C-alpha atoms as a PDB file:
ATOM      1  CA  MET A   1      -0.162  36.890 -24.234  1.00  0.00           C
ATOM      2  CA  THR A   2       2.443  36.077 -21.570  1.00  0.00           C
ATOM      3  CA  HIS A   3       3.291  32.557 -20.456  1.00  0.00           C
ATOM      4  CA  ASN A   4       1.543  33.013 -17.098  1.00  0.00           C
ATOM      5  CA  GLU A   5      -1.563  34.344 -18.822  1.00  0.00           C
ATOM      6  CA  LYS A   6      -1.622  31.242 -21.081  1.00  0.00           C
ATOM      7  CA  ILE A   7      -1.388  28.984 -18.022  1.00  0.00           C
ATOM      8  CA  GLY A   8      -4.099  30.996 -16.262  1.00  0.00           C
ATOM      9  CA  ARG A   9      -6.407  30.672 -19.244  1.00  0.00           C
ATOM     10  CA  TRP A  10      -5.746  26.916 -19.507  1.00  0.00           C
ATOM     11  CA  ILE A  11      -6.473  26.476 -15.800  1.00  0.00           C
ATOM     12  CA  GLU A  12      -9.718  28.455 -16.091  1.00  0.00           C
ATOM     13  CA  GLU A  13     -10.866  26.273 -19.011  1.00  0.00           C
ATOM     14  CA  ASN A  14      -9.825  22.949 -17.525  1.00  0.00           C
ATOM     15  CA  TYR A  15      -9.929  23.335 -13.747  1.00  0.00           C
ATOM     16  CA  GLU A  16     -13.340  21.766 -13.142  1.00  0.00           C
ATOM     17  CA  TRP A  17     -12.587  18.779 -15.376  1.00  0.00           C
ATOM     18  CA  VAL A  18      -9.189  18.198 -13.744  1.00  0.00           C
ATOM     19  CA  ARG A  19     -10.700  18.620 -10.307  1.00  0.00           C
ATOM     20  CA  GLY A  20     -13.425  16.076 -11.077  1.00  0.00           C
ATOM     21  CA  GLN A  21     -10.931  13.553 -12.413  1.00  0.00           C
ATOM     22  CA  ILE A  22      -8.614  13.915  -9.433  1.00  0.00           C
ATOM     23  CA  ASN A  23     -11.557  13.662  -7.010  1.00  0.00           C
ATOM     24  CA  THR A  24     -13.080  10.540  -8.572  1.00  0.00           C
ATOM     25  CA  ASN A  25     -10.115   8.689 -10.011  1.00  0.00           C
ATOM     26  CA  ILE A  26      -6.950   9.621  -8.128  1.00  0.00           C
ATOM     27  CA  ALA A  27      -7.464  11.031  -4.633  1.00  0.00           C
ATOM     28  CA  LYS A  28     -10.180   8.711  -3.365  1.00  0.00           C
ATOM     29  CA  ASN A  29     -10.753   6.567  -0.297  1.00  0.00           C
ATOM     30  CA  GLN A  30      -7.933   7.117   2.242  1.00  0.00           C
ATOM     31  CA  MET A  31      -6.316   9.783   0.025  1.00  0.00           C
ATOM     32  CA  ALA A  32      -9.471  11.888  -0.225  1.00  0.00           C
ATOM     33  CA  GLN A  33      -8.176  14.209   2.479  1.00  0.00           C
ATOM     34  CA  TYR A  34      -5.414  15.358   0.117  1.00  0.00           C
ATOM     35  CA  ARG A  35      -7.664  16.233  -2.831  1.00  0.00           C
ATOM     36  CA  GLU A  36      -7.662  20.004  -2.692  1.00  0.00           C
ATOM     37  CA  ASP A  37      -3.957  20.202  -1.778  1.00  0.00           C
ATOM     38  CA  LEU A  38      -3.095  17.903  -4.684  1.00  0.00           C
ATOM     39  CA  ILE A  39      -5.152  19.905  -7.170  1.00  0.00           C
ATOM     40  CA  GLN A  40      -3.477  23.139  -6.066  1.00  0.00           C
ATOM     41  CA  GLU A  41      -0.029  21.569  -6.204  1.00  0.00           C
ATOM     42  CA  MET A  42      -0.610  20.327  -9.738  1.00  0.00           C
ATOM     43  CA  MET A  43      -1.870  23.739 -10.882  1.00  0.00           C
ATOM     44  CA  LEU A  44       1.203  25.387  -9.345  1.00  0.00           C
ATOM     45  CA  SER A  45       3.458  22.874 -11.110  1.00  0.00           C
ATOM     46  CA  LEU A  46       2.187  24.239 -14.427  1.00  0.00           C
ATOM     47  CA  TYR A  47       3.803  27.567 -13.608  1.00  0.00           C
ATOM     48  CA  ASN A  48       7.165  25.837 -13.117  1.00  0.00           C
ATOM     49  CA  MET A  49       6.966  24.230 -16.558  1.00  0.00           C
ATOM     50  CA  LYS A  50       9.116  25.646 -19.355  1.00  0.00           C
ATOM     51  CA  PRO A  51       7.027  27.761 -21.746  1.00  0.00           C
ATOM     52  CA  GLU A  52       8.053  25.660 -24.778  1.00  0.00           C
ATOM     53  CA  LYS A  53       7.006  22.445 -23.081  1.00  0.00           C
ATOM     54  CA  PHE A  54       3.699  23.937 -21.951  1.00  0.00           C
ATOM     55  CA  ASP A  55       2.894  25.243 -25.454  1.00  0.00           C
ATOM     56  CA  GLN A  56       3.803  21.915 -27.043  1.00  0.00           C
ATOM     57  CA  MET A  57       1.648  19.926 -24.615  1.00  0.00           C
ATOM     58  CA  VAL A  58      -1.311  22.240 -25.203  1.00  0.00           C
ATOM     59  CA  ARG A  59      -0.902  21.885 -28.985  1.00  0.00           C
ATOM     60  CA  ASP A  60      -0.668  18.101 -28.697  1.00  0.00           C
ATOM     61  CA  GLU A  61      -3.597  18.023 -26.213  1.00  0.00           C
ATOM     62  CA  LYS A  62      -1.492  16.132 -23.667  1.00  0.00           C
ATOM     63  CA  LEU A  63      -1.513  18.603 -20.806  1.00  0.00           C
ATOM     64  CA  ARG A  64      -4.599  17.097 -19.122  1.00  0.00           C
ATOM     65  CA  TRP A  65      -2.932  13.664 -19.242  1.00  0.00           C
ATOM     66  CA  TRP A  66       0.294  15.177 -17.845  1.00  0.00           C
ATOM     67  CA  VAL A  67      -1.540  16.792 -14.928  1.00  0.00           C
ATOM     68  CA  LEU A  68      -3.479  13.628 -14.031  1.00  0.00           C
ATOM     69  CA  THR A  69      -0.443  11.364 -14.367  1.00  0.00           C
ATOM     70  CA  GLY A  70       1.626  13.762 -12.278  1.00  0.00           C
ATOM     71  CA  ALA A  71      -1.121  13.915  -9.640  1.00  0.00           C
ATOM     72  CA  GLY A  72      -1.244  10.146  -9.389  1.00  0.00           C
ATOM     73  CA  MET A  73       2.516   9.838  -9.077  1.00  0.00           C
ATOM     74  CA  ALA A  74       2.745  12.709  -6.574  1.00  0.00           C
ATOM     75  CA  LEU A  75       0.057  11.152  -4.404  1.00  0.00           C
ATOM     76  CA  ARG A  76       1.630   7.674  -4.305  1.00  0.00           C
ATOM     77  CA  SER A  77       5.281   8.741  -4.003  1.00  0.00           C
ATOM     78  CA  SER A  78       6.995   9.165  -0.663  1.00  0.00           C
ATOM     79  CA  THR A  79       9.713  11.318  -2.182  1.00  0.00           C
ATOM     80  CA  SER A  80       7.653  13.735  -4.318  1.00  0.00           C
ATOM     81  CA  PRO A  81       7.544  17.450  -3.450  1.00  0.00           C
ATOM     82  CA  PHE A  82       3.818  16.980  -2.713  1.00  0.00           C
ATOM     83  CA  TYR A  83       4.606  14.318  -0.121  1.00  0.00           C
ATOM     84  CA  LEU A  84       7.408  16.311   1.445  1.00  0.00           C
ATOM     85  CA  LYS A  85       5.447  19.556   1.593  1.00  0.00           C
ATOM     86  CA  ILE A  86       1.930  18.326   2.426  1.00  0.00           C
ATOM     87  CA  ARG A  87       1.286  14.645   3.121  1.00  0.00           C
ATOM     88  CA  LYS A  88       4.216  14.127   5.468  1.00  0.00           C
ATOM     89  CA  HIS A  89       3.209  17.088   7.620  1.00  0.00           C
ATOM     90  CA  LYS A  90      -0.460  16.154   7.698  1.00  0.00           C
ATOM     91  CA  MET A  91       0.412  12.587   8.695  1.00  0.00           C
ATOM     92  CA  PHE A  92       2.748  13.870  11.412  1.00  0.00           C
ATOM     93  CA  ALA A  93       0.074  16.251  12.736  1.00  0.00           C
ATOM     94  CA  ARG A  94      -2.483  13.438  12.760  1.00  0.00           C
ATOM     95  CA  GLU A  95      -0.165  11.035  14.579  1.00  0.00           C
ATOM     96  CA  MET A  96       1.544  13.396  16.973  1.00  0.00           C
ATOM     97  CA  GLY A  97      -1.146  16.031  17.592  1.00  0.00           C
ATOM     98  CA  LEU A  98      -0.648  19.757  17.227  1.00  0.00           C
ATOM     99  CA  PRO A  99       2.782  21.294  17.864  1.00  0.00           C
ATOM    100  CA  ASN A 100       3.409  22.063  21.556  1.00  0.00           C
ATOM    101  CA  SER A 101       0.437  20.000  22.684  1.00  0.00           C
ATOM    102  CA  ASN A 102       2.515  17.030  23.911  1.00  0.00           C
ATOM    103  CA  LYS A 103      -0.377  14.737  22.993  1.00  0.00           C
ATOM    104  CA  ASN A 104      -0.436  11.885  20.499  1.00  0.00           C
ATOM    105  CA  ILE A 105      -4.032  11.549  19.311  1.00  0.00           C
ATOM    106  CA  PHE A 106      -3.598   7.790  18.864  1.00  0.00           C
ATOM    107  CA  GLU A 107      -2.896   7.366  22.576  1.00  0.00           C
ATOM    108  CA  THR A 108      -6.264   6.337  23.893  1.00  0.00           C
ATOM    109  CA  GLY A 109      -5.173   4.801  27.150  1.00  0.00           C
ATOM    110  CA  GLU A 110      -5.806   1.298  28.393  1.00  0.00           C
ATOM    111  CA  HIS A 111      -8.601   0.578  25.917  1.00  0.00           C
ATOM    112  CA  TYR A 112      -6.180   0.843  22.969  1.00  0.00           C
ATOM    113  CA  GLU A 113      -3.800  -1.697  24.431  1.00  0.00           C
ATOM    114  CA  THR A 114      -6.657  -4.083  25.221  1.00  0.00           C
ATOM    115  CA  TYR A 115      -8.100  -3.618  21.753  1.00  0.00           C
ATOM    116  CA  GLU A 116      -4.678  -4.395  20.215  1.00  0.00           C
ATOM    117  CA  GLU A 117      -4.238  -7.430  22.421  1.00  0.00           C
ATOM    118  CA  VAL A 118      -7.696  -8.763  21.530  1.00  0.00           C
ATOM    119  CA  TYR A 119      -6.933  -8.551  17.802  1.00  0.00           C
ATOM    120  CA  TYR A 120      -3.518 -10.083  18.257  1.00  0.00           C
ATOM    121  CA  GLN A 121      -5.078 -13.014  20.168  1.00  0.00           C
ATOM    122  CA  CYS A 122      -7.741 -13.386  17.532  1.00  0.00           C
ATOM    123  CA  TYR A 123      -5.186 -13.404  14.724  1.00  0.00           C
ATOM    124  CA  ARG A 124      -3.054 -15.967  16.563  1.00  0.00           C
ATOM    125  CA  GLU A 125      -6.070 -18.221  17.099  1.00  0.00           C
ATOM    126  CA  GLU A 126      -7.126 -17.944  13.462  1.00  0.00           C
ATOM    127  CA  ILE A 127      -3.618 -18.726  12.289  1.00  0.00           C
ATOM    128  CA  LYS A 128      -3.770 -21.952  14.323  1.00  0.00           C
ATOM    129  CA  ASN A 129      -6.987 -22.870  12.444  1.00  0.00           C
ATOM    130  CA  LEU A 130      -5.389 -22.471   9.013  1.00  0.00           C
ATOM    131  CA  HIS A 131      -4.406 -25.413   6.836  1.00  0.00           C
ATOM    132  CA  TRP A 132      -0.837 -26.452   7.802  1.00  0.00           C
ATOM    133  CA  TYR A 133       0.612 -25.135   4.537  1.00  0.00           C
ATOM    134  CA  ASN A 134      -0.981 -21.695   4.866  1.00  0.00           C
ATOM    135  CA  ARG A 135      -0.120 -21.601   8.552  1.00  0.00           C
ATOM    136  CA  LYS A 136       3.548 -22.237   7.734  1.00  0.00           C
ATOM    137  CA  LEU A 137       3.577 -19.559   5.021  1.00  0.00           C
ATOM    138  CA  VAL A 138       1.923 -16.964   7.279  1.00  0.00           C
ATOM    139  CA  ASP A 139       4.224 -17.776  10.171  1.00  0.00           C
ATOM    140  CA  GLU A 140       7.367 -17.440   8.091  1.00  0.00           C
ATOM    141  CA  TYR A 141       6.124 -14.361   6.219  1.00  0.00           C
ATOM    142  CA  TRP A 142       4.571 -12.366   9.087  1.00  0.00           C
ATOM    143  CA  PHE A 143       6.408 -13.475  12.174  1.00  0.00           C
ATOM    144  CA  GLN A 144       9.814 -14.494  10.868  1.00  0.00           C
ATOM    145  CA  GLY A 145       9.914 -11.659   8.310  1.00  0.00           C
ATOM    146  CA  LYS A 146      10.859 -13.787   5.320  1.00  0.00           C
ATOM    147  CA  THR A 147      10.219 -12.366   1.883  1.00  0.00           C
ATOM    148  CA  ILE A 148       8.236 -13.977  -0.927  1.00  0.00           C
ATOM    149  CA  GLN A 149      11.569 -14.551  -2.680  1.00  0.00           C
ATOM    150  CA  ALA A 150      13.009 -16.305   0.358  1.00  0.00           C
ATOM    151  CA  LEU A 151       9.948 -18.551   0.615  1.00  0.00           C
ATOM    152  CA  HIS A 152      10.189 -19.307  -3.118  1.00  0.00           C
ATOM    153  CA  GLU A 153      13.827 -20.312  -2.772  1.00  0.00           C
ATOM    154  CA  LYS A 154      13.185 -22.389   0.381  1.00  0.00           C
ATOM    155  CA  TYR A 155      10.178 -24.357  -0.891  1.00  0.00           C
ATOM    156  CA  ASN A 156      10.653 -24.092  -4.650  1.00  0.00           C
ATOM    157  CA  ILE A 157       7.037 -22.936  -5.072  1.00  0.00           C
ATOM    158  CA  SER A 158       6.073 -20.313  -7.608  1.00  0.00           C
ATOM    159  CA  LYS A 159       6.075 -16.752  -6.198  1.00  0.00           C
ATOM    160  CA  VAL A 160       2.635 -16.256  -7.775  1.00  0.00           C
ATOM    161  CA  HIS A 161       1.252 -19.234  -5.851  1.00  0.00           C
ATOM    162  CA  ILE A 162       2.915 -18.155  -2.609  1.00  0.00           C
ATOM    163  CA  THR A 163       1.450 -14.654  -2.991  1.00  0.00           C
ATOM    164  CA  ARG A 164      -1.992 -16.009  -3.802  1.00  0.00           C
ATOM    165  CA  ASP A 165      -1.926 -18.460  -0.904  1.00  0.00           C
ATOM    166  CA  LEU A 166      -0.762 -15.757   1.519  1.00  0.00           C
ATOM    167  CA  ASN A 167      -3.520 -13.409   0.349  1.00  0.00           C
ATOM    168  CA  VAL A 168      -6.162 -16.099   0.748  1.00  0.00           C
ATOM    169  CA  ALA A 169      -4.926 -16.941   4.259  1.00  0.00           C
ATOM    170  CA  ILE A 170      -4.716 -13.260   5.299  1.00  0.00           C
ATOM    171  CA  LEU A 171      -8.212 -12.558   3.963  1.00  0.00           C
ATOM    172  CA  GLN A 172      -9.532 -15.589   5.870  1.00  0.00           C
ATOM    173  CA  ILE A 173      -7.902 -14.344   9.090  1.00  0.00           C
ATOM    174  CA  ARG A 174      -9.233 -10.816   8.637  1.00  0.00           C
ATOM    175  CA  GLU A 175     -12.738 -12.056   7.837  1.00  0.00           C
ATOM    176  CA  ASN A 176     -12.822 -14.293  10.896  1.00  0.00           C
ATOM    177  CA  CYS A 177     -11.457 -11.518  13.168  1.00  0.00           C
ATOM    178  CA  LYS A 178     -13.829  -8.818  11.980  1.00  0.00           C
ATOM    179  CA  ASN A 179     -15.975  -8.946  15.076  1.00  0.00           C
ATOM    180  CA  CYS A 180     -13.516 -10.239  17.646  1.00  0.00           C
ATOM    181  CA  ASP A 181     -13.793  -7.093  19.817  1.00  0.00           C
ATOM    182  CA  SER A 182     -17.494  -7.555  20.407  1.00  0.00           C
END
């Protein structure tokens, strides 16, 4: 049996399981649109694997793990071949419209600007309502662009506490601004 035939047989035997795992555990929520492309890319990557490595991983029953781990890394990475070949182009097409159409699909006219302004105003108002400590952290982190490390050094507060306090403040702002466009 040739190397490609071995790979083909492994894919036939494991495709549905791998597909199910990628669909439910890796490419979910916002990444669901990349499921089928990711599955195909991972199956193709098997054909680029050295025959010795493939055979060893099949013997050790580690090939499924390798495929799922590779899929997870490929999906999250912004430098992986999957990102460069598929995700980047899909994101560009979504943001900029189809080639030669001269239309950005996110340009929705005046309503978009108003919508953005309403949320900005709401966020600013909610920031004013925060406890002075959280307000100071959010202001320096969001608007002044300081890092967690810089805040830690400036105030000598644990980075864990700063991160937790920022998350609590941001969640409070988001929760209070959920319905600000109505």
